[in-house]
N, C-alpha and C. Protein backbone atom coordinates (compact mmCIF):
# COMPACT_ATOMS: atom_id res chain seq x y z
N UNK A 1 -61.38 71.44 -82.54
CA UNK A 1 -60.74 70.98 -83.70
C UNK A 1 -61.60 70.20 -84.55
N UNK A 2 -61.71 70.31 -85.79
CA UNK A 2 -62.62 69.81 -86.68
C UNK A 2 -62.00 68.69 -87.62
N UNK A 3 -62.70 67.79 -88.29
CA UNK A 3 -62.09 67.11 -89.19
C UNK A 3 -61.62 67.76 -90.34
N UNK A 4 -60.51 67.21 -91.02
CA UNK A 4 -59.85 67.91 -92.09
C UNK A 4 -60.91 67.68 -93.38
N UNK A 5 -60.69 68.44 -94.40
CA UNK A 5 -61.62 68.37 -95.52
C UNK A 5 -61.83 67.12 -96.13
N UNK A 6 -63.05 66.67 -96.33
CA UNK A 6 -63.46 65.24 -96.81
C UNK A 6 -63.90 64.47 -95.54
N UNK A 7 -63.96 65.00 -94.43
CA UNK A 7 -64.35 64.20 -93.16
C UNK A 7 -63.25 63.24 -92.59
N UNK A 8 -61.97 63.63 -92.91
CA UNK A 8 -60.82 62.74 -92.30
C UNK A 8 -60.50 63.37 -91.05
N UNK A 9 -60.32 62.63 -89.97
CA UNK A 9 -59.89 63.19 -88.72
C UNK A 9 -58.44 63.56 -88.95
N UNK A 10 -58.09 64.55 -88.05
CA UNK A 10 -56.62 65.07 -88.09
C UNK A 10 -55.56 64.14 -87.71
N UNK A 11 -55.80 63.11 -87.37
CA UNK A 11 -54.91 62.16 -86.88
C UNK A 11 -55.45 60.64 -87.12
N UNK A 12 -54.60 59.66 -87.45
CA UNK A 12 -54.93 58.32 -87.86
C UNK A 12 -54.65 57.24 -86.94
N UNK A 13 -54.25 57.68 -85.69
CA UNK A 13 -53.94 56.70 -84.56
C UNK A 13 -53.72 57.51 -83.44
N UNK A 14 -54.13 56.92 -82.17
CA UNK A 14 -54.04 57.50 -80.89
C UNK A 14 -52.97 56.57 -80.03
N UNK A 15 -51.97 57.23 -79.53
CA UNK A 15 -51.07 56.77 -78.79
C UNK A 15 -51.15 57.22 -77.41
N UNK A 16 -51.43 56.44 -76.34
CA UNK A 16 -51.65 56.82 -75.08
C UNK A 16 -50.82 56.37 -74.06
N UNK A 17 -50.53 57.14 -73.18
CA UNK A 17 -49.75 56.79 -71.85
C UNK A 17 -50.75 55.91 -70.94
N UNK A 18 -50.10 55.20 -70.04
CA UNK A 18 -50.92 54.32 -69.05
C UNK A 18 -51.08 55.08 -67.79
N UNK A 19 -49.90 55.13 -66.92
CA UNK A 19 -49.90 55.59 -65.70
C UNK A 19 -50.15 57.02 -65.50
N UNK A 20 -51.06 57.53 -64.53
CA UNK A 20 -51.55 58.71 -64.35
C UNK A 20 -52.44 59.27 -65.74
N UNK A 21 -52.83 58.44 -66.50
CA UNK A 21 -53.91 58.79 -67.45
C UNK A 21 -54.81 57.89 -67.50
N UNK A 22 -54.63 56.43 -67.73
CA UNK A 22 -55.59 55.39 -67.61
C UNK A 22 -55.54 54.83 -66.04
N UNK A 23 -54.34 54.61 -65.57
CA UNK A 23 -54.24 53.91 -64.26
C UNK A 23 -53.76 54.81 -63.22
N UNK A 24 -54.30 54.77 -62.07
CA UNK A 24 -53.88 55.61 -61.00
C UNK A 24 -53.73 54.68 -59.78
N UNK A 25 -52.74 55.26 -58.93
CA UNK A 25 -52.13 54.42 -57.75
C UNK A 25 -52.84 55.04 -56.39
N UNK A 26 -53.06 54.32 -55.55
CA UNK A 26 -53.35 54.85 -54.16
C UNK A 26 -52.17 54.59 -53.24
N UNK A 27 -51.59 55.61 -52.71
CA UNK A 27 -50.43 55.55 -51.86
C UNK A 27 -50.70 55.81 -50.35
N UNK A 28 -52.07 55.57 -50.10
CA UNK A 28 -52.45 55.70 -48.73
C UNK A 28 -51.72 54.88 -47.79
N UNK A 29 -51.47 53.52 -48.04
CA UNK A 29 -50.69 52.66 -47.10
C UNK A 29 -49.31 53.03 -46.93
N UNK A 30 -48.70 53.34 -48.06
CA UNK A 30 -47.33 53.74 -48.28
C UNK A 30 -47.10 55.02 -47.28
N UNK A 31 -47.81 55.95 -47.45
CA UNK A 31 -47.70 57.16 -46.76
C UNK A 31 -47.83 56.92 -45.21
N UNK A 32 -48.74 56.00 -44.91
CA UNK A 32 -48.95 55.76 -43.49
C UNK A 32 -47.67 55.03 -42.88
N UNK A 33 -47.19 54.16 -43.47
CA UNK A 33 -45.81 53.55 -43.21
C UNK A 33 -44.68 54.62 -43.07
N UNK A 34 -44.77 55.47 -43.97
CA UNK A 34 -43.69 56.64 -43.87
C UNK A 34 -43.68 57.32 -42.61
N UNK A 35 -45.08 57.75 -42.34
CA UNK A 35 -45.21 58.50 -41.18
C UNK A 35 -44.79 57.85 -39.83
N UNK A 36 -45.21 56.52 -39.92
CA UNK A 36 -44.75 55.72 -38.76
C UNK A 36 -43.30 55.60 -38.61
N UNK A 37 -42.50 55.57 -39.81
CA UNK A 37 -40.95 55.58 -39.80
C UNK A 37 -40.47 56.89 -39.68
N UNK A 38 -41.12 57.90 -39.34
CA UNK A 38 -40.63 59.31 -39.27
C UNK A 38 -40.16 59.82 -40.50
N UNK A 39 -40.70 59.49 -41.59
CA UNK A 39 -40.33 60.17 -42.99
C UNK A 39 -41.31 60.97 -43.46
N UNK A 40 -40.92 61.87 -44.25
CA UNK A 40 -41.79 62.58 -44.78
C UNK A 40 -42.63 61.87 -45.92
N UNK A 41 -43.94 62.09 -46.16
CA UNK A 41 -44.70 61.55 -47.39
C UNK A 41 -43.85 61.82 -48.69
N UNK A 42 -43.61 60.73 -49.26
CA UNK A 42 -43.12 60.87 -50.71
C UNK A 42 -41.56 60.56 -50.62
N UNK A 43 -41.00 60.32 -49.56
CA UNK A 43 -39.46 59.89 -49.38
C UNK A 43 -39.14 58.58 -50.27
N UNK A 44 -40.18 57.67 -50.14
CA UNK A 44 -39.90 56.21 -50.83
C UNK A 44 -39.91 56.43 -52.19
N UNK A 45 -40.93 57.34 -52.69
CA UNK A 45 -41.02 57.66 -54.22
C UNK A 45 -39.76 58.36 -54.70
N UNK A 46 -39.27 59.22 -54.05
CA UNK A 46 -38.10 60.09 -54.29
C UNK A 46 -36.83 59.04 -54.60
N UNK A 47 -36.75 58.07 -53.71
CA UNK A 47 -35.71 57.07 -53.85
C UNK A 47 -35.99 56.18 -55.06
N UNK A 48 -37.18 55.60 -54.99
CA UNK A 48 -37.62 54.62 -55.98
C UNK A 48 -37.57 55.05 -57.35
N UNK A 49 -37.94 56.41 -57.66
CA UNK A 49 -38.08 56.69 -59.08
C UNK A 49 -36.92 57.75 -59.55
N UNK A 50 -35.88 57.57 -58.79
CA UNK A 50 -34.45 58.11 -59.13
C UNK A 50 -34.09 57.27 -60.34
N UNK A 51 -33.61 57.90 -61.33
CA UNK A 51 -33.21 57.10 -62.67
C UNK A 51 -32.31 56.10 -62.34
N UNK A 52 -31.33 56.19 -61.43
CA UNK A 52 -30.40 54.93 -61.27
C UNK A 52 -31.03 53.84 -60.71
N UNK A 53 -32.35 54.00 -59.93
CA UNK A 53 -32.87 52.98 -59.27
C UNK A 53 -34.02 52.40 -60.16
N UNK A 54 -35.04 53.18 -60.72
CA UNK A 54 -36.04 52.70 -61.55
C UNK A 54 -35.61 52.55 -63.08
N UNK A 55 -34.50 53.06 -63.41
CA UNK A 55 -34.22 53.02 -64.77
C UNK A 55 -33.99 51.57 -65.37
N UNK A 56 -33.24 50.65 -64.58
CA UNK A 56 -32.97 49.27 -64.93
C UNK A 56 -34.44 48.49 -65.06
N UNK A 57 -35.14 48.92 -64.02
CA UNK A 57 -36.52 48.20 -64.02
C UNK A 57 -37.36 48.54 -65.21
N UNK A 58 -37.51 49.75 -65.84
CA UNK A 58 -38.25 50.11 -66.68
C UNK A 58 -37.69 49.69 -68.14
N UNK A 59 -36.37 49.36 -68.21
CA UNK A 59 -35.66 48.73 -69.15
C UNK A 59 -35.72 47.22 -69.30
N UNK A 60 -36.49 46.60 -68.33
CA UNK A 60 -36.52 45.22 -68.23
C UNK A 60 -35.18 44.37 -67.68
N UNK A 61 -34.35 45.18 -67.12
CA UNK A 61 -33.05 44.63 -66.85
C UNK A 61 -32.94 43.97 -65.37
N UNK A 62 -34.01 44.41 -64.54
CA UNK A 62 -34.19 43.93 -63.21
C UNK A 62 -35.67 43.51 -62.91
N UNK A 63 -35.92 42.74 -61.99
CA UNK A 63 -37.27 42.35 -61.74
C UNK A 63 -37.84 43.29 -60.68
N UNK A 64 -39.09 43.07 -60.44
CA UNK A 64 -39.66 44.05 -59.44
C UNK A 64 -39.25 43.86 -58.11
N UNK A 65 -38.87 42.36 -57.65
CA UNK A 65 -38.19 42.23 -56.37
C UNK A 65 -36.90 42.84 -56.31
N UNK A 66 -36.16 42.93 -57.38
CA UNK A 66 -34.94 43.60 -57.42
C UNK A 66 -34.99 45.02 -57.19
N UNK A 67 -36.02 45.51 -57.81
CA UNK A 67 -36.25 47.08 -57.58
C UNK A 67 -36.61 47.32 -56.13
N UNK A 68 -37.22 46.54 -55.32
CA UNK A 68 -37.52 46.68 -54.04
C UNK A 68 -36.34 46.62 -53.16
N UNK A 69 -35.35 45.77 -53.54
CA UNK A 69 -34.22 45.63 -52.92
C UNK A 69 -33.25 46.81 -53.08
N UNK A 70 -33.43 47.36 -54.36
CA UNK A 70 -32.70 48.73 -54.54
C UNK A 70 -33.16 49.90 -53.78
N UNK A 71 -34.61 49.95 -53.72
CA UNK A 71 -35.33 50.93 -52.92
C UNK A 71 -34.81 50.89 -51.44
N UNK A 72 -34.80 49.53 -50.85
CA UNK A 72 -34.32 49.33 -49.49
C UNK A 72 -32.94 49.95 -49.18
N UNK A 73 -32.01 49.58 -50.33
CA UNK A 73 -30.69 50.11 -50.12
C UNK A 73 -30.54 51.58 -50.08
N UNK A 74 -31.53 52.24 -50.91
CA UNK A 74 -31.44 53.70 -51.02
C UNK A 74 -31.91 54.39 -49.85
N UNK A 75 -32.84 53.49 -49.15
CA UNK A 75 -33.54 54.06 -47.82
C UNK A 75 -32.78 53.74 -46.59
N UNK A 76 -31.53 53.05 -46.84
CA UNK A 76 -30.87 52.52 -45.64
C UNK A 76 -30.27 53.58 -44.64
N UNK A 77 -29.86 54.90 -45.21
CA UNK A 77 -29.36 55.89 -44.31
C UNK A 77 -30.56 56.40 -43.31
N UNK A 78 -31.80 56.04 -43.86
CA UNK A 78 -32.90 56.76 -43.03
C UNK A 78 -33.54 55.73 -42.18
N UNK A 79 -33.76 54.49 -42.54
CA UNK A 79 -34.47 53.52 -41.87
C UNK A 79 -33.77 52.30 -41.69
N UNK A 80 -34.19 51.26 -40.74
CA UNK A 80 -33.52 49.79 -40.78
C UNK A 80 -34.05 49.05 -42.02
N UNK A 81 -33.26 47.96 -42.21
CA UNK A 81 -33.51 47.09 -43.30
C UNK A 81 -35.02 46.60 -43.57
N UNK A 82 -35.55 46.18 -42.35
CA UNK A 82 -36.90 45.77 -42.41
C UNK A 82 -37.86 46.66 -42.62
N UNK A 83 -37.74 47.92 -42.23
CA UNK A 83 -38.41 49.15 -42.74
C UNK A 83 -38.39 49.40 -44.11
N UNK A 84 -37.13 49.49 -44.63
CA UNK A 84 -36.86 49.77 -46.00
C UNK A 84 -37.58 48.93 -46.94
N UNK A 85 -37.35 47.55 -46.66
CA UNK A 85 -38.18 46.66 -47.49
C UNK A 85 -39.75 46.69 -47.53
N UNK A 86 -40.15 47.10 -46.15
CA UNK A 86 -41.59 47.00 -46.05
C UNK A 86 -42.23 48.43 -46.85
N UNK A 87 -41.29 49.51 -46.81
CA UNK A 87 -41.59 50.64 -47.73
C UNK A 87 -41.63 50.31 -49.13
N UNK A 88 -40.56 49.55 -49.63
CA UNK A 88 -40.27 49.30 -51.03
C UNK A 88 -41.37 48.30 -51.48
N UNK A 89 -41.83 47.44 -50.68
CA UNK A 89 -42.86 46.53 -50.95
C UNK A 89 -44.42 47.12 -50.94
N UNK A 90 -44.48 48.23 -50.13
CA UNK A 90 -45.80 48.97 -50.15
C UNK A 90 -45.82 49.71 -51.51
N UNK A 91 -44.81 50.27 -51.77
CA UNK A 91 -44.88 51.01 -53.16
C UNK A 91 -45.22 50.03 -54.21
N UNK A 92 -44.53 48.89 -54.30
CA UNK A 92 -44.61 47.91 -55.52
C UNK A 92 -46.14 47.32 -55.41
N UNK A 93 -46.72 47.08 -54.30
CA UNK A 93 -48.01 46.56 -54.18
C UNK A 93 -49.09 47.72 -53.82
N UNK A 94 -48.85 48.98 -54.28
CA UNK A 94 -49.88 49.93 -54.05
C UNK A 94 -51.19 49.49 -54.96
N UNK A 95 -52.23 49.66 -54.35
CA UNK A 95 -53.49 49.59 -55.12
C UNK A 95 -53.59 50.34 -56.28
N UNK A 96 -54.22 49.94 -57.33
CA UNK A 96 -54.62 50.90 -58.53
C UNK A 96 -55.80 50.67 -59.14
N UNK A 97 -56.39 51.64 -59.77
CA UNK A 97 -57.62 51.52 -60.37
C UNK A 97 -57.56 52.23 -61.87
N UNK A 98 -58.66 51.96 -62.63
CA UNK A 98 -58.52 52.69 -63.87
C UNK A 98 -59.61 53.72 -63.85
N UNK A 99 -59.20 54.81 -64.66
CA UNK A 99 -60.28 55.85 -64.72
C UNK A 99 -61.14 55.51 -65.87
N UNK A 100 -62.45 55.39 -65.45
CA UNK A 100 -63.39 54.86 -66.39
C UNK A 100 -63.99 55.73 -67.39
N UNK A 101 -63.63 57.08 -67.03
CA UNK A 101 -63.95 58.15 -68.17
C UNK A 101 -62.92 58.13 -69.18
N UNK A 102 -61.73 57.93 -68.93
CA UNK A 102 -60.70 57.75 -69.98
C UNK A 102 -60.83 56.36 -70.67
N UNK A 103 -61.03 55.48 -70.09
CA UNK A 103 -61.21 54.23 -70.76
C UNK A 103 -62.41 54.30 -71.75
N UNK A 104 -63.48 54.86 -71.33
CA UNK A 104 -64.67 54.89 -72.30
C UNK A 104 -64.27 55.90 -73.41
N UNK A 105 -63.60 56.84 -73.24
CA UNK A 105 -63.10 57.65 -74.41
C UNK A 105 -62.24 56.97 -75.23
N UNK A 106 -61.35 56.27 -74.81
CA UNK A 106 -60.43 55.48 -75.60
C UNK A 106 -61.16 54.31 -76.47
N UNK A 107 -61.94 53.80 -75.83
CA UNK A 107 -62.90 52.65 -76.44
C UNK A 107 -63.71 53.24 -77.60
N UNK A 108 -64.12 54.58 -77.38
CA UNK A 108 -64.90 55.15 -78.48
C UNK A 108 -64.05 55.35 -79.51
N UNK A 109 -62.65 56.01 -79.22
CA UNK A 109 -61.79 56.40 -80.40
C UNK A 109 -61.27 55.31 -81.07
N UNK A 110 -61.15 54.11 -80.49
CA UNK A 110 -60.64 52.90 -81.20
C UNK A 110 -61.64 52.38 -82.30
N UNK A 111 -62.80 52.73 -82.19
CA UNK A 111 -63.79 52.47 -83.27
C UNK A 111 -63.33 52.95 -84.49
N UNK A 112 -62.74 54.19 -84.32
CA UNK A 112 -62.33 54.82 -85.70
C UNK A 112 -60.88 54.60 -86.10
N UNK A 113 -60.04 54.65 -85.26
CA UNK A 113 -58.54 54.58 -85.38
C UNK A 113 -57.80 53.64 -84.43
N UNK A 114 -56.56 52.97 -84.86
CA UNK A 114 -55.99 52.19 -84.02
C UNK A 114 -55.62 53.07 -82.62
N UNK A 115 -55.42 52.09 -81.56
CA UNK A 115 -55.12 52.61 -80.18
C UNK A 115 -53.90 51.79 -79.77
N UNK A 116 -52.79 52.64 -79.53
CA UNK A 116 -51.55 51.94 -78.96
C UNK A 116 -51.28 52.63 -77.55
N UNK A 117 -51.10 51.63 -76.56
CA UNK A 117 -50.69 52.26 -75.26
C UNK A 117 -49.14 52.09 -75.16
N UNK A 118 -48.59 53.32 -74.74
CA UNK A 118 -47.26 53.33 -74.68
C UNK A 118 -46.66 53.73 -73.19
N UNK A 119 -46.14 52.81 -72.58
CA UNK A 119 -45.90 53.13 -71.16
C UNK A 119 -44.44 52.76 -70.69
N UNK A 120 -43.91 53.62 -69.86
CA UNK A 120 -42.85 53.16 -68.97
C UNK A 120 -43.18 52.37 -67.88
N UNK A 121 -42.90 50.92 -68.04
CA UNK A 121 -43.58 50.05 -67.27
C UNK A 121 -42.60 48.83 -66.84
N UNK A 122 -43.11 48.16 -65.71
CA UNK A 122 -42.31 46.91 -65.38
C UNK A 122 -42.73 45.82 -66.44
N UNK A 123 -42.16 44.56 -66.05
CA UNK A 123 -42.44 43.53 -66.84
C UNK A 123 -43.85 42.85 -66.38
N UNK A 124 -44.46 43.40 -65.35
CA UNK A 124 -45.68 42.99 -64.89
C UNK A 124 -46.94 43.82 -65.39
N UNK A 125 -46.67 44.72 -66.46
CA UNK A 125 -47.76 45.48 -67.06
C UNK A 125 -48.86 44.74 -67.58
N UNK A 126 -48.62 43.68 -68.48
CA UNK A 126 -49.55 42.82 -68.92
C UNK A 126 -50.58 42.34 -67.89
N UNK A 127 -50.06 41.84 -66.90
CA UNK A 127 -50.65 41.25 -65.71
C UNK A 127 -51.64 42.32 -65.20
N UNK A 128 -51.15 43.59 -64.98
CA UNK A 128 -51.92 44.51 -64.34
C UNK A 128 -52.92 44.93 -65.16
N UNK A 129 -52.80 45.05 -66.38
CA UNK A 129 -53.89 45.31 -67.41
C UNK A 129 -55.04 44.38 -67.32
N UNK A 130 -54.60 43.15 -67.23
CA UNK A 130 -55.67 42.07 -67.24
C UNK A 130 -56.33 42.17 -65.80
N UNK A 131 -55.69 42.47 -64.83
CA UNK A 131 -56.39 42.74 -63.38
C UNK A 131 -57.34 43.88 -63.57
N UNK A 132 -57.12 44.89 -64.26
CA UNK A 132 -58.06 46.04 -64.49
C UNK A 132 -59.09 45.62 -65.63
N UNK A 133 -59.10 44.50 -66.14
CA UNK A 133 -60.07 44.22 -67.14
C UNK A 133 -59.66 44.88 -68.57
N UNK A 134 -58.43 45.32 -68.68
CA UNK A 134 -58.19 46.16 -69.87
C UNK A 134 -57.16 45.59 -70.85
N UNK A 135 -57.08 44.00 -70.81
CA UNK A 135 -56.19 43.40 -71.56
C UNK A 135 -56.34 43.59 -73.09
N UNK A 136 -57.69 43.88 -73.32
CA UNK A 136 -58.13 43.96 -74.74
C UNK A 136 -58.31 45.45 -75.04
N UNK A 137 -57.96 46.42 -74.34
CA UNK A 137 -58.38 47.84 -74.58
C UNK A 137 -57.80 48.34 -75.82
N UNK A 138 -56.43 47.90 -76.09
CA UNK A 138 -55.65 48.61 -77.16
C UNK A 138 -55.47 47.62 -78.33
N UNK A 139 -55.18 48.10 -79.43
CA UNK A 139 -54.57 47.20 -80.40
C UNK A 139 -53.18 46.55 -80.23
N UNK A 140 -52.38 47.47 -79.73
CA UNK A 140 -51.10 47.02 -79.14
C UNK A 140 -50.74 47.81 -78.05
N UNK A 141 -49.89 47.04 -77.19
CA UNK A 141 -49.16 47.73 -75.91
C UNK A 141 -47.83 47.63 -76.11
N UNK A 142 -47.30 49.00 -75.90
CA UNK A 142 -45.72 49.01 -75.84
C UNK A 142 -45.16 49.34 -74.53
N UNK A 143 -44.63 48.30 -73.95
CA UNK A 143 -43.99 48.39 -72.63
C UNK A 143 -42.56 48.41 -72.75
N UNK A 144 -42.09 49.70 -72.01
CA UNK A 144 -40.56 49.87 -72.15
C UNK A 144 -39.87 48.75 -71.57
N UNK A 145 -40.26 48.04 -70.78
CA UNK A 145 -39.50 46.83 -70.07
C UNK A 145 -39.41 45.60 -71.25
N UNK A 146 -40.47 45.64 -72.06
CA UNK A 146 -40.36 44.57 -73.12
C UNK A 146 -39.49 44.96 -74.26
N UNK A 147 -39.53 46.36 -74.73
CA UNK A 147 -38.84 46.68 -75.80
C UNK A 147 -37.34 47.24 -75.64
N UNK A 148 -37.12 47.42 -74.26
CA UNK A 148 -35.84 47.91 -73.82
C UNK A 148 -35.59 49.50 -74.27
N UNK A 149 -36.61 50.15 -74.31
CA UNK A 149 -36.60 51.69 -74.71
C UNK A 149 -37.69 52.27 -73.75
N UNK A 150 -37.32 53.48 -73.22
CA UNK A 150 -38.25 54.05 -72.31
C UNK A 150 -38.31 55.75 -72.69
N UNK A 151 -39.57 56.12 -72.48
CA UNK A 151 -39.88 57.62 -72.80
C UNK A 151 -38.93 58.27 -71.98
N UNK A 152 -38.40 59.35 -72.33
CA UNK A 152 -38.58 60.15 -73.66
C UNK A 152 -37.82 59.75 -74.84
N UNK A 153 -37.19 58.60 -74.87
CA UNK A 153 -36.32 58.18 -75.91
C UNK A 153 -37.43 58.01 -77.29
N UNK A 154 -37.16 58.92 -78.30
CA UNK A 154 -38.04 59.11 -79.49
C UNK A 154 -38.28 57.70 -79.96
N UNK A 155 -37.36 56.65 -79.94
CA UNK A 155 -37.41 55.46 -80.78
C UNK A 155 -38.73 54.66 -80.22
N UNK A 156 -39.09 54.86 -78.92
CA UNK A 156 -40.28 53.98 -78.45
C UNK A 156 -41.51 54.65 -79.09
N UNK A 157 -41.64 56.03 -79.25
CA UNK A 157 -42.71 56.56 -79.91
C UNK A 157 -42.79 56.34 -81.39
N UNK A 158 -41.63 56.21 -82.00
CA UNK A 158 -41.49 55.72 -83.40
C UNK A 158 -42.13 54.40 -83.55
N UNK A 159 -41.63 53.58 -82.61
CA UNK A 159 -42.06 52.11 -82.70
C UNK A 159 -43.63 52.05 -82.32
N UNK A 160 -43.93 52.73 -81.39
CA UNK A 160 -45.56 52.64 -81.35
C UNK A 160 -46.30 53.34 -82.74
N UNK A 161 -45.82 54.28 -83.39
CA UNK A 161 -46.40 54.56 -84.60
C UNK A 161 -46.44 53.53 -85.53
N UNK A 162 -45.06 53.00 -85.68
CA UNK A 162 -44.94 51.69 -86.54
C UNK A 162 -46.01 50.64 -86.35
N UNK A 163 -46.28 50.25 -84.95
CA UNK A 163 -47.28 49.38 -84.76
C UNK A 163 -48.55 49.58 -85.02
N UNK A 164 -48.94 51.11 -85.13
CA UNK A 164 -50.25 51.36 -85.47
C UNK A 164 -50.30 51.51 -87.11
N UNK A 165 -49.29 51.47 -87.64
CA UNK A 165 -49.17 51.50 -89.24
C UNK A 165 -49.32 52.96 -89.55
N UNK A 166 -48.89 53.81 -88.74
CA UNK A 166 -49.27 55.33 -89.25
C UNK A 166 -47.84 56.03 -89.11
N UNK A 167 -47.89 57.22 -89.80
CA UNK A 167 -46.51 57.97 -89.84
C UNK A 167 -46.67 58.79 -88.55
N UNK A 168 -45.65 59.17 -87.94
CA UNK A 168 -45.56 59.86 -86.58
C UNK A 168 -46.45 61.20 -86.65
N UNK A 169 -46.40 61.84 -87.82
CA UNK A 169 -47.04 63.19 -88.01
C UNK A 169 -48.53 62.99 -88.05
N UNK A 170 -48.97 61.72 -88.20
CA UNK A 170 -50.50 61.42 -88.28
C UNK A 170 -50.97 60.56 -86.91
N UNK A 171 -50.22 60.78 -85.89
CA UNK A 171 -50.52 60.38 -84.57
C UNK A 171 -50.97 61.34 -83.47
N UNK A 172 -51.85 60.94 -82.69
CA UNK A 172 -52.16 62.07 -81.42
C UNK A 172 -51.46 61.17 -80.43
N UNK A 173 -50.70 61.82 -79.68
CA UNK A 173 -49.90 61.32 -78.52
C UNK A 173 -50.48 61.93 -77.19
N UNK A 174 -50.69 61.11 -76.26
CA UNK A 174 -51.28 61.80 -74.86
C UNK A 174 -50.36 61.34 -73.86
N UNK A 175 -49.86 62.06 -72.93
CA UNK A 175 -49.02 61.77 -71.70
C UNK A 175 -49.10 62.73 -70.90
N UNK A 176 -48.81 62.43 -69.46
CA UNK A 176 -48.96 63.31 -68.46
C UNK A 176 -47.68 63.97 -68.10
N UNK A 177 -46.54 63.56 -68.82
CA UNK A 177 -45.16 64.18 -68.52
C UNK A 177 -44.77 65.05 -69.75
N UNK A 178 -44.46 66.36 -69.31
CA UNK A 178 -44.12 67.35 -70.37
C UNK A 178 -42.97 66.96 -71.18
N UNK A 179 -42.00 66.33 -70.62
CA UNK A 179 -40.77 65.88 -71.39
C UNK A 179 -41.21 65.00 -72.55
N UNK A 180 -42.08 63.81 -72.07
CA UNK A 180 -42.49 62.97 -73.03
C UNK A 180 -43.30 63.64 -74.37
N UNK A 181 -44.27 64.67 -73.86
CA UNK A 181 -45.07 65.47 -74.73
C UNK A 181 -44.06 66.24 -75.66
N UNK A 182 -43.15 66.77 -75.14
CA UNK A 182 -42.10 67.57 -76.09
C UNK A 182 -41.38 66.69 -77.08
N UNK A 183 -41.15 65.29 -76.65
CA UNK A 183 -40.42 64.58 -77.58
C UNK A 183 -41.26 64.21 -78.69
N UNK A 184 -42.62 63.86 -78.32
CA UNK A 184 -43.43 63.54 -79.35
C UNK A 184 -43.83 64.61 -80.42
N UNK A 185 -43.86 65.98 -79.93
CA UNK A 185 -44.02 67.10 -80.70
C UNK A 185 -42.96 67.28 -81.71
N UNK A 186 -41.74 66.92 -81.30
CA UNK A 186 -40.65 67.14 -82.20
C UNK A 186 -40.58 66.07 -83.23
N UNK A 187 -41.26 64.99 -83.08
CA UNK A 187 -41.39 63.95 -84.01
C UNK A 187 -42.59 64.43 -85.02
N UNK A 188 -43.20 65.32 -84.77
CA UNK A 188 -44.41 65.88 -85.65
C UNK A 188 -45.74 65.47 -85.13
N UNK A 189 -45.73 64.70 -84.00
CA UNK A 189 -47.07 64.22 -83.49
C UNK A 189 -47.88 65.36 -82.96
N UNK A 190 -49.13 65.20 -83.01
CA UNK A 190 -49.96 65.98 -82.33
C UNK A 190 -49.96 65.67 -80.70
N UNK A 191 -49.20 66.38 -80.02
CA UNK A 191 -48.90 66.00 -78.64
C UNK A 191 -49.74 66.78 -77.51
N UNK A 192 -50.25 66.14 -76.65
CA UNK A 192 -51.14 66.52 -75.50
C UNK A 192 -50.83 66.30 -74.31
N UNK A 193 -50.49 67.34 -73.46
CA UNK A 193 -50.14 67.24 -72.21
C UNK A 193 -51.47 66.92 -71.29
N UNK A 194 -51.52 65.74 -70.76
CA UNK A 194 -52.82 65.08 -70.10
C UNK A 194 -52.76 65.69 -68.66
N UNK A 195 -53.72 66.32 -68.28
CA UNK A 195 -54.05 66.66 -66.78
C UNK A 195 -55.35 66.10 -66.31
N UNK A 196 -56.36 65.91 -67.10
CA UNK A 196 -57.70 65.49 -66.65
C UNK A 196 -58.47 65.00 -67.90
N UNK A 197 -59.51 64.21 -67.82
CA UNK A 197 -60.28 63.45 -68.75
C UNK A 197 -60.66 64.47 -69.88
N UNK A 198 -61.03 65.68 -69.60
CA UNK A 198 -61.44 66.73 -70.37
C UNK A 198 -60.29 67.18 -71.39
N UNK A 199 -59.14 66.91 -71.04
CA UNK A 199 -58.08 67.14 -71.94
C UNK A 199 -58.25 66.13 -73.15
N UNK A 200 -58.34 64.96 -72.69
CA UNK A 200 -58.54 63.79 -73.72
C UNK A 200 -59.82 63.98 -74.64
N UNK A 201 -60.97 64.19 -73.97
CA UNK A 201 -62.14 64.46 -74.67
C UNK A 201 -62.08 65.47 -75.60
N UNK A 202 -61.39 66.56 -75.28
CA UNK A 202 -61.29 67.65 -76.26
C UNK A 202 -60.47 67.25 -77.59
N UNK A 203 -59.49 66.45 -77.37
CA UNK A 203 -58.68 66.21 -78.51
C UNK A 203 -59.21 65.10 -79.31
N UNK A 204 -60.01 64.25 -78.79
CA UNK A 204 -60.64 63.14 -79.51
C UNK A 204 -61.92 63.50 -80.12
N UNK A 205 -62.42 64.65 -79.88
CA UNK A 205 -63.70 65.19 -80.44
C UNK A 205 -63.94 64.97 -81.75
N UNK A 206 -62.92 64.97 -82.71
CA UNK A 206 -63.34 64.69 -84.07
C UNK A 206 -63.63 63.24 -84.23
N UNK A 207 -63.22 62.27 -83.36
CA UNK A 207 -63.52 60.92 -83.64
C UNK A 207 -64.83 60.61 -82.79
N UNK A 208 -65.27 61.46 -82.05
CA UNK A 208 -66.37 61.07 -81.10
C UNK A 208 -67.67 61.70 -81.49
N UNK A 209 -67.65 62.71 -82.60
CA UNK A 209 -68.93 63.32 -82.91
C UNK A 209 -69.76 62.07 -83.73
C-alpha cells in the first residue's frame, strides 16, 4: 500500500487495540491451578469472559475484586468456594508483557500521525500501562471502563476517531477480534484483523518508509 498522490498517507490516525496486540498474558499459573482442581484448561476464562460476567467490568460498573467474586460464583458448581476464588484471583493477577516489536512499530507510526489506544479494559488499565512503561505510548487511551462503551459498539470507535481529530474514514483500526474489525469497517475505517506483528508492519508501511 503506497502513499496517496502528493505523498499523503492513506490514513491520518492509528487506532489500536491493546490486549492480544500490544499486551499479552501468561496463563501458566492459572492453568496449573485448573489442572490441580480437576478442571479443563480454559474453564475459568470461559466463565470469566461470559458477557454477563465481564460485561459489567468492562463498562466500569464493578471493580476487579467484584469480578473475581462473580467468577467464583460461576465456578461454584464445579469447585469449592476457596478454589473458585483462587482461580478468579489467578486470572486477575496473570502476568503480562508487551510485544516490543509492536510497540516499536507504533512509536514509529506516531511520529507521523496520532495514535489512540482503544481497549475493552478494566479501571486498572492505566496502572497496567504504567507498569509496562507504556503510559506515554499513545496520544490518547480510550478505556471501555472509563467511557462506559465497549467494542464492538461503534460509538467507542467514533469517540477514538474524534479524540484523534480525524474522520473515521481516515483512520487505520487494528484489532485481534473479527467482530470489532467488522464494526470499524462498517464505519469506513481501514480495518485490520491483527494476528502477528507482520500484519501491523504491512499496514503501517506508508508511515515507516
